[in-house]
Amino acid sequence: MAIIYTYQPTELFMAPSLDGLTDVVTRVRYNYTGIDDENSLSAVFAGATPVPVPASGSEFIPLQDLTEAEVIAWLEAVVDPTHMQDVIMKNISNQISPKYEPTPLPWAPNGDVVPPVEE
């Protein structure tokens, strides 16, 4: 199963002022999506990660000048995708071969699934 993975930033958090800089992005929320084209299936891992404060003298990009591609480049540099890929692969595998499908109780009237009792 060949899975193609992509990041999609969904929300940015910023500090209005930090270490002499203004509008500094400090955290990114994102969806990490895996698509299995062979089976037309996908799964999404929602994540969040802090963004390192730019080192003095490094190229700083103010919030209003950021592009999606730049934020994705940050994520690719900072986030280890191993765990997310494992979760996505397991999710897609479970879609291909489900392990936990609800089934009617053989003794229930009309073969219905009996809902749990709420306390």
Protein backbone atom coordinates (compact mmCIF):
# COMPACT_ATOMS: atom_id res chain seq x y z
CA MET A 1 0.00 0.00 0.00
CA ALA A 2 1.60 3.26 -1.16
CA ILE A 3 0.38 6.23 0.84
CA ILE A 4 0.97 9.85 -0.11
CA TYR A 5 1.22 12.20 2.89
CA THR A 6 0.54 15.94 2.97
CA TYR A 7 0.40 18.70 5.57
CA GLN A 8 -2.41 21.24 5.68
CA PRO A 9 -2.00 24.07 8.22
CA THR A 10 -5.37 24.78 9.84
CA GLU A 11 -4.60 27.43 12.47
CA LEU A 12 -1.72 29.69 13.52
CA PHE A 13 -0.99 31.12 16.95
CA MET A 14 1.25 34.13 17.41
CA ALA A 15 2.90 36.38 19.91
CA PRO A 16 2.30 40.07 19.19
CA SER A 17 5.83 40.78 20.43
CA LEU A 18 8.64 38.31 21.14
CA ASP A 19 12.39 38.87 21.45
CA GLY A 20 12.16 42.23 19.70
CA LEU A 21 10.09 40.85 16.81
CA THR A 22 6.40 41.50 16.09
CA ASP A 23 3.68 39.10 14.94
CA VAL A 24 5.76 35.99 15.61
CA VAL A 25 4.12 32.65 14.82
CA THR A 26 4.60 30.43 17.87
CA ARG A 27 2.39 27.40 17.15
CA VAL A 28 0.80 25.68 14.17
CA ARG A 29 -2.19 23.36 14.12
CA TYR A 30 -2.39 21.12 11.11
CA ASN A 31 -3.91 18.08 9.48
CA TYR A 32 -1.52 15.43 8.22
CA THR A 33 -3.40 13.46 5.59
CA GLY A 34 -2.50 10.11 4.10
CA ILE A 35 -4.11 9.03 0.84
CA ASP A 36 -3.97 5.47 -0.44
CA ASP A 37 -4.71 5.95 -4.14
CA GLU A 38 -4.70 2.21 -4.78
CA ASN A 39 -7.77 1.70 -2.55
CA SER A 40 -9.21 5.26 -2.75
CA LEU A 41 -8.96 5.60 1.04
CA SER A 42 -7.62 8.31 3.31
CA ALA A 43 -7.06 9.11 6.95
CA VAL A 44 -6.20 12.32 8.80
CA PHE A 45 -4.04 12.93 11.87
CA ALA A 46 -4.74 16.30 13.54
CA GLY A 47 -1.68 17.76 15.22
CA ALA A 48 -0.16 20.88 16.70
CA THR A 49 3.44 21.86 17.18
CA PRO A 50 5.34 24.82 18.59
CA VAL A 51 7.42 26.83 16.15
CA PRO A 52 10.95 27.66 17.29
CA VAL A 53 11.60 31.35 17.86
CA PRO A 54 13.77 32.65 15.04
CA ALA A 55 17.43 32.93 16.02
CA SER A 56 18.82 36.43 16.01
CA GLY A 57 20.12 37.29 12.58
CA SER A 58 18.05 34.57 10.88
CA GLU A 59 15.48 35.37 8.25
CA PHE A 60 12.26 36.30 10.08
CA ILE A 61 8.93 36.30 8.24
CA PRO A 62 6.14 38.33 9.86
CA LEU A 63 2.74 36.66 10.12
CA GLN A 64 1.12 38.78 7.40
CA ASP A 65 3.86 37.82 4.91
CA LEU A 66 3.76 34.04 5.46
CA THR A 67 2.67 31.64 2.76
CA GLU A 68 1.19 28.20 3.23
CA ALA A 69 4.30 26.70 1.59
CA GLU A 70 6.57 28.37 4.18
CA VAL A 71 4.49 27.05 7.09
CA ILE A 72 4.51 23.55 5.57
CA ALA A 73 8.31 23.80 5.24
CA TRP A 74 8.48 24.62 8.97
CA LEU A 75 6.34 21.59 9.78
CA GLU A 76 8.48 19.32 7.62
CA ALA A 77 11.60 20.61 9.40
CA VAL A 78 10.24 20.33 12.95
CA VAL A 79 7.74 17.45 13.07
CA ASP A 80 8.78 13.78 13.05
CA PRO A 81 6.06 12.12 10.94
CA THR A 82 6.79 8.53 12.03
CA HIS A 83 4.02 8.25 14.65
CA MET A 84 1.49 10.08 12.45
CA GLN A 85 2.24 7.79 9.51
CA ASP A 86 1.84 4.71 11.72
CA VAL A 87 -1.56 5.95 12.93
CA ILE A 88 -2.70 6.77 9.39
CA MET A 89 -1.51 3.42 8.02
CA LYS A 90 -3.37 1.59 10.79
CA ASN A 91 -6.52 3.61 10.12
CA ILE A 92 -6.41 2.87 6.39
CA SER A 93 -5.69 -0.82 7.06
CA ASN A 94 -8.73 -0.93 9.35
CA GLN A 95 -10.83 0.60 6.57
CA ILE A 96 -9.66 -2.16 4.22
CA SER A 97 -10.13 -4.95 6.77
CA PRO A 98 -12.39 -3.71 9.60
CA LYS A 99 -11.96 -5.34 13.00
CA TYR A 100 -14.81 -3.71 14.90
CA GLU A 101 -18.05 -3.53 12.94
CA PRO A 102 -21.29 -3.35 14.90
CA THR A 103 -23.43 -6.40 14.40
CA PRO A 104 -26.99 -7.16 15.46
CA LEU A 105 -27.50 -9.37 18.47
CA PRO A 106 -28.82 -12.70 17.22
CA TRP A 107 -31.39 -12.87 20.05
CA ALA A 108 -32.63 -9.25 19.74
CA PRO A 109 -36.03 -8.65 18.09
CA ASN A 110 -35.62 -7.93 14.37
CA GLY A 111 -31.86 -8.45 14.75
CA ASP A 112 -31.46 -4.90 16.13
CA VAL A 113 -28.40 -3.54 17.86
CA VAL A 114 -29.37 -2.81 21.47
CA PRO A 115 -28.15 0.64 22.56
CA PRO A 116 -26.26 0.90 25.88
CA VAL A 117 -28.14 2.15 28.93
CA GLU A 118 -27.10 5.65 29.97
CA GLU A 119 -26.71 6.21 33.70
